[in-house]
Amino acid sequence: MSRVQLALNVADLDEAIVFYSKLFATEPAKVRPGYANFAVVDPPLKLVLIEDVNQTPGTLNHLGIEVPSTDEVSAAQARLAGEGLATALEEQTECCYAVQDKVWVDGPGGEPWEIYTVLADAEMPAGQLRSAAPGESACCATRPDLAEATPAGTPCC
């Protein structure tokens, strides 16, 4: 099953978990330091909460579409590149407490979108998520530089 992902920056993770548990009538699927996600059945949604005191609470971190397999990630990358969009492919990357294959593309307003599949759970070093700033080595909205990507279907990495 595919589902849309919405990743939000939050100032207080515990408070956000209480609110979204009530809003969607479900408990989080995963909670880690500074991070939680919900696998909401109705409506089909992967809600990701990222505690970040440096970002405005409630702002968008990134958007995504979770798909069941790496083949679907590859097909999405080929389709998007075929449409002339710059893509960035990441394989076997550790992000958001999971090992994932993903392809990134930016929307017209610069909003980062990922199409991804989760391959396995992972622990992040010292509970640290990667930074949301492109090019920093530390997750979620970090992706290879799309400016270096080729829209002709060849992955940048």
Protein backbone atom coordinates (compact mmCIF):
# COMPACT_ATOMS: atom_id res chain seq x y z
CA MET A 1 0.00 0.00 0.00
CA SER A 2 1.28 3.46 -0.85
CA ARG A 3 0.53 6.42 1.38
CA VAL A 4 1.38 10.10 1.54
CA GLN A 5 3.92 11.22 4.13
CA LEU A 6 3.82 14.56 5.92
CA ALA A 7 6.85 15.44 8.06
CA LEU A 8 6.39 18.35 10.46
CA ASN A 9 8.81 20.25 12.65
CA VAL A 10 7.59 20.38 16.27
CA ALA A 11 8.92 22.19 19.34
CA ASP A 12 7.68 19.67 21.93
CA LEU A 13 7.57 16.07 20.76
CA ASP A 14 5.60 14.76 23.76
CA GLU A 15 2.90 17.43 23.35
CA ALA A 16 2.69 16.73 19.60
CA ILE A 17 2.37 12.97 20.19
CA VAL A 18 -0.56 13.55 22.58
CA PHE A 19 -2.31 15.85 20.08
CA TYR A 20 -1.83 13.69 16.98
CA SER A 21 -2.75 10.51 18.87
CA LYS A 22 -6.09 12.14 19.65
CA LEU A 23 -6.54 13.68 16.19
CA PHE A 24 -5.98 10.40 14.32
CA ALA A 25 -7.21 8.04 17.09
CA THR A 26 -4.00 6.03 16.94
CA GLU A 27 -0.74 5.69 18.84
CA PRO A 28 2.64 6.31 17.20
CA ALA A 29 4.21 3.42 15.29
CA LYS A 30 7.71 4.52 16.32
CA VAL A 31 9.05 6.92 18.95
CA ARG A 32 12.74 7.75 19.31
CA PRO A 33 14.63 10.74 20.74
CA GLY A 34 13.37 13.81 18.86
CA TYR A 35 11.34 11.70 16.42
CA ALA A 36 7.97 9.95 16.14
CA ASN A 37 5.92 8.56 13.29
CA PHE A 38 2.33 7.48 12.94
CA ALA A 39 1.05 4.93 10.42
CA VAL A 40 -2.48 6.31 10.12
CA VAL A 41 -4.93 3.91 8.48
CA ASP A 42 -7.78 6.33 7.77
CA PRO A 43 -6.89 8.50 5.96
CA PRO A 44 -3.81 6.59 4.72
CA LEU A 45 -1.00 8.80 6.00
CA LYS A 46 2.51 8.48 7.37
CA LEU A 47 2.81 11.40 9.80
CA VAL A 48 6.37 12.14 10.90
CA LEU A 49 7.15 14.51 13.78
CA ILE A 50 10.67 15.93 14.05
CA GLU A 51 11.53 17.86 17.19
CA ASP A 52 13.68 20.79 16.14
CA VAL A 53 14.00 23.88 18.31
CA ASN A 54 15.75 25.68 15.43
CA GLN A 55 12.69 25.48 13.15
CA THR A 56 9.32 27.16 13.52
CA PRO A 57 6.92 24.66 15.12
CA GLY A 58 4.29 23.39 12.70
CA THR A 59 6.35 24.13 9.61
CA LEU A 60 6.90 21.63 6.86
CA ASN A 61 10.05 19.54 7.09
CA HIS A 62 9.39 17.53 3.93
CA LEU A 63 6.74 15.54 2.06
CA GLY A 64 6.86 12.00 0.81
CA ILE A 65 5.18 8.97 -0.62
CA GLU A 66 5.92 5.65 1.04
CA VAL A 67 5.83 2.74 -1.42
CA PRO A 68 6.12 -1.00 -0.78
CA SER A 69 9.31 -1.78 -2.73
CA THR A 70 12.62 -0.61 -4.16
CA ASP A 71 11.27 -1.46 -7.62
CA GLU A 72 8.61 1.23 -7.14
CA VAL A 73 11.25 3.74 -6.03
CA SER A 74 13.27 2.96 -9.17
CA ALA A 75 10.18 3.24 -11.37
CA ALA A 76 9.33 6.62 -9.81
CA GLN A 77 12.87 7.88 -10.41
CA ALA A 78 12.76 6.79 -14.07
CA ARG A 79 9.30 8.33 -14.58
CA LEU A 80 10.21 11.66 -12.95
CA ALA A 81 13.53 11.91 -14.81
CA GLY A 82 11.67 11.03 -18.03
CA GLU A 83 9.41 14.03 -17.36
CA GLY A 84 12.51 16.24 -17.25
CA LEU A 85 12.62 16.66 -13.46
CA ALA A 86 15.95 16.63 -11.60
CA THR A 87 16.03 13.66 -9.24
CA ALA A 88 18.45 12.44 -6.60
CA LEU A 89 18.60 8.75 -5.73
CA GLU A 90 19.67 7.41 -2.33
CA GLU A 91 20.09 3.70 -1.72
CA GLN A 92 20.51 1.90 1.59
CA THR A 93 20.53 5.24 3.43
CA GLU A 94 19.92 5.47 7.18
CA CYS A 95 17.30 8.11 7.85
CA CYS A 96 14.53 8.58 10.41
CA TYR A 97 15.46 5.42 12.31
CA ALA A 98 15.18 3.26 9.19
CA VAL A 99 17.25 1.98 6.27
CA GLN A 100 15.60 3.27 3.09
CA ASP A 101 15.87 3.45 -0.67
CA LYS A 102 14.51 6.77 -1.96
CA VAL A 103 14.38 9.28 -4.73
CA TRP A 104 14.10 13.04 -4.09
CA VAL A 105 12.54 15.72 -6.25
CA ASP A 106 11.76 19.37 -5.43
CA GLY A 107 8.34 20.91 -6.02
CA PRO A 108 7.98 24.27 -7.78
CA GLY A 109 8.22 26.13 -4.45
CA GLY A 110 11.33 24.22 -3.41
CA GLU A 111 9.44 21.84 -1.17
CA PRO A 112 11.34 18.54 -0.88
CA TRP A 113 9.46 15.37 -1.83
CA GLU A 114 10.79 11.86 -1.31
CA ILE A 115 9.43 8.62 -2.72
CA TYR A 116 10.80 5.91 -0.48
CA THR A 117 10.58 2.38 0.84
CA VAL A 118 11.64 1.22 4.30
CA LEU A 119 14.02 -1.73 4.16
CA ALA A 120 14.73 -2.18 7.88
CA ASP A 121 14.73 -0.42 11.24
CA ALA A 122 17.92 1.37 12.28
CA GLU A 123 19.16 3.26 15.30
CA MET A 124 20.65 6.67 14.71
CA PRO A 125 24.01 7.42 16.38
CA ALA A 126 23.29 8.95 19.79
CA GLY A 127 19.64 9.33 18.71
CA GLN A 128 20.63 12.06 16.24
CA LEU A 129 18.67 12.65 13.07
CA ARG A 130 20.49 14.03 10.08
CA SER A 131 20.22 17.77 9.59
CA ALA A 132 17.53 19.19 7.34
CA ALA A 133 20.17 21.31 5.58
CA PRO A 134 21.29 19.92 2.21
CA GLY A 135 24.90 18.82 2.18
CA GLU A 136 25.24 18.22 5.92
CA SER A 137 26.27 14.71 6.82
CA ALA A 138 24.08 14.31 9.75
CA CYS A 139 17.81 13.02 7.70
CA CYS A 140 14.89 13.53 6.66
CA ALA A 141 14.91 16.52 4.35
CA THR A 142 18.60 16.08 3.62
CA ARG A 143 19.12 14.72 0.16
CA PRO A 144 21.76 14.71 -2.54
CA ASP A 145 22.01 18.04 -4.31
CA LEU A 146 19.41 18.05 -7.05
CA ALA A 147 21.47 20.57 -9.01
CA GLU A 148 23.96 17.78 -9.63
CA ALA A 149 21.25 15.30 -10.61
CA THR A 150 20.56 14.50 -14.20
CA PRO A 151 16.97 14.54 -15.44
CA ALA A 152 17.73 11.96 -18.12
CA GLY A 153 17.25 9.01 -15.77
CA THR A 154 20.83 8.68 -14.55
CA PRO A 155 21.01 8.90 -10.77
CA CYS A 156 23.28 11.59 -9.39
CA CYS A 157 24.88 9.35 -6.79
